[in-house]
Each structure stands twice: as structure tokens, then as C-alpha cells.
């Protein structure tokens, strides 16, 4: 794995979750399996929760993915009073 001192802020040193490289080329396969399983489980929610999050996201001017990712990363729902964080998320869209 990468040197933790060189990791970006907020990176938890988990393996990449995209499918760009074949499974057999990405380090420890069991670790990759566990991370991918946890990633899928985190995004799998009931229909009612998904609709609730979608409604809240639209009210705040965010996408469903942006809103849900904020919940997963920070452990709390964004509120209309969180102007600074909402603006930061919107500005991050424009970055390459």
C-alpha cells in the first residue's frame, strides 16, 4: 500500500474500488473483496430511504450521490444551515 505520509487528506488507504485493473493485479485479493463488499453494502438502502435522500438532496441543490456520500463520510445529514459545506461540494463538481 501507499505510504500513509503521502496520502491525501481524508484517504483511508483502502484499495481502489474501480474495475480498471484485473482483480489479480491489485494487492491482497481478500482485502479487495472485503472493501468492495462493504462499498456495495453502504450504497444499498431501502426505497423509502433513497427517496428521502433524493428529496433532501434536490432541496439543497445536490445530487443523490453527493448527498449520500456526505452521509457516509461524515455520519450526518446535511441541513440547510450547512451553507459552507454545501458550497464546497458544489465547487468540487467543477474540478477536473
Protein backbone atom coordinates (compact mmCIF):
# COMPACT_ATOMS: atom_id res chain seq x y z
CA UNK A 1 0.00 0.00 0.00
CA UNK A 2 0.99 3.62 -0.37
CA UNK A 3 2.99 5.47 2.24
CA UNK A 4 0.45 6.97 4.73
CA UNK A 5 2.52 10.15 4.96
CA UNK A 6 1.92 10.76 1.25
CA UNK A 7 -1.81 10.01 1.34
CA UNK A 8 -4.30 12.72 0.57
CA UNK A 9 -6.25 14.17 3.44
CA UNK A 10 -9.27 12.02 4.16
CA UNK A 11 -7.93 8.94 2.37
CA UNK A 12 -8.28 5.76 4.42
CA UNK A 13 -5.67 3.75 2.49
CA UNK A 14 -8.24 1.31 1.12
CA UNK A 15 -7.71 -0.33 -2.26
CA UNK A 16 -9.15 1.27 -5.40
CA UNK A 17 -12.78 0.28 -5.87
CA UNK A 18 -12.99 0.78 -9.61
CA UNK A 19 -12.56 -2.02 -12.12
CA UNK A 20 -9.70 -0.52 -14.12
CA UNK A 21 -7.25 -3.29 -13.22
CA UNK A 22 -7.89 -7.03 -13.11
CA UNK A 23 -8.50 -8.44 -9.63
CA UNK A 24 -5.27 -10.47 -9.67
CA UNK A 25 -3.14 -7.33 -10.12
CA UNK A 26 -4.41 -5.41 -7.10
CA UNK A 27 -2.58 -6.47 -3.93
CA UNK A 28 -4.29 -8.76 -1.44
CA UNK A 29 -7.44 -10.17 -3.04
CA UNK A 30 -9.21 -10.79 0.27
CA UNK A 31 -8.75 -7.15 1.30
CA UNK A 32 -10.06 -6.01 -2.07
CA UNK A 33 -13.03 -8.37 -1.75
CA UNK A 34 -13.90 -7.01 1.72
CA UNK A 35 -13.64 -3.38 0.59
CA UNK A 36 -15.79 -3.94 -2.48
CA UNK A 37 -18.43 -5.80 -0.44
CA UNK A 38 -18.53 -3.00 2.16
CA UNK A 39 -18.77 -0.36 -0.59
CA UNK A 40 -21.76 -2.10 -2.18
CA UNK A 41 -23.47 -2.55 1.20
CA UNK A 42 -23.03 1.13 2.10
CA UNK A 43 -24.88 2.25 -1.05
CA UNK A 44 -27.68 -0.33 -0.79
CA UNK A 45 -30.65 1.21 1.01
CA UNK A 46 -34.40 0.75 1.05
CA UNK A 47 -36.62 2.55 -1.44
CA UNK A 48 -38.01 4.88 1.24
CA UNK A 49 -34.56 5.97 2.40
CA UNK A 50 -33.43 6.52 -1.19
CA UNK A 51 -36.48 8.69 -1.92
CA UNK A 52 -35.96 10.65 1.32
CA UNK A 53 -32.32 11.31 0.45
CA UNK A 54 -33.22 12.27 -3.11
CA UNK A 55 -35.80 14.79 -1.92
CA UNK A 56 -33.36 16.32 0.61
CA UNK A 57 -30.58 16.44 -1.98
CA UNK A 58 -32.77 18.23 -4.52
CA UNK A 59 -33.84 20.80 -1.91
CA UNK A 60 -30.19 21.55 -1.18
CA UNK A 61 -29.20 21.64 -4.86
CA UNK A 62 -27.10 18.47 -4.67
CA UNK A 63 -27.22 15.16 -6.48
CA UNK A 64 -28.32 11.98 -4.73
CA UNK A 65 -24.73 10.69 -4.89
CA UNK A 66 -23.27 13.87 -3.37
CA UNK A 67 -25.80 13.89 -0.54
CA UNK A 68 -25.41 10.17 0.23
CA UNK A 69 -21.63 10.36 0.09
CA UNK A 70 -21.73 13.18 2.63
CA UNK A 71 -23.80 10.98 4.96
CA UNK A 72 -21.39 8.07 4.51
CA UNK A 73 -18.28 10.21 5.03
CA UNK A 74 -19.44 12.46 7.87
CA UNK A 75 -22.17 10.38 9.52
CA UNK A 76 -24.76 13.14 9.47
CA UNK A 77 -27.41 14.59 7.17
CA UNK A 78 -26.74 17.98 5.65
CA UNK A 79 -29.02 20.74 6.84
CA UNK A 80 -29.95 23.96 5.02
CA UNK A 81 -27.78 25.80 7.59
CA UNK A 82 -24.66 23.98 6.34
CA UNK A 83 -24.06 26.59 3.64
CA UNK A 84 -20.26 26.35 3.69
CA UNK A 85 -20.20 22.57 3.24
CA UNK A 86 -22.90 22.60 0.53
CA UNK A 87 -20.99 25.29 -1.37
CA UNK A 88 -17.76 23.28 -1.07
CA UNK A 89 -19.49 20.22 -2.54
CA UNK A 90 -20.85 22.26 -5.45
CA UNK A 91 -17.43 23.81 -6.13
CA UNK A 92 -15.84 20.34 -6.15
CA UNK A 93 -18.08 19.40 -9.12
CA UNK A 94 -16.23 21.83 -11.32
CA UNK A 95 -12.78 20.42 -10.56
CA UNK A 96 -11.26 18.11 -13.20
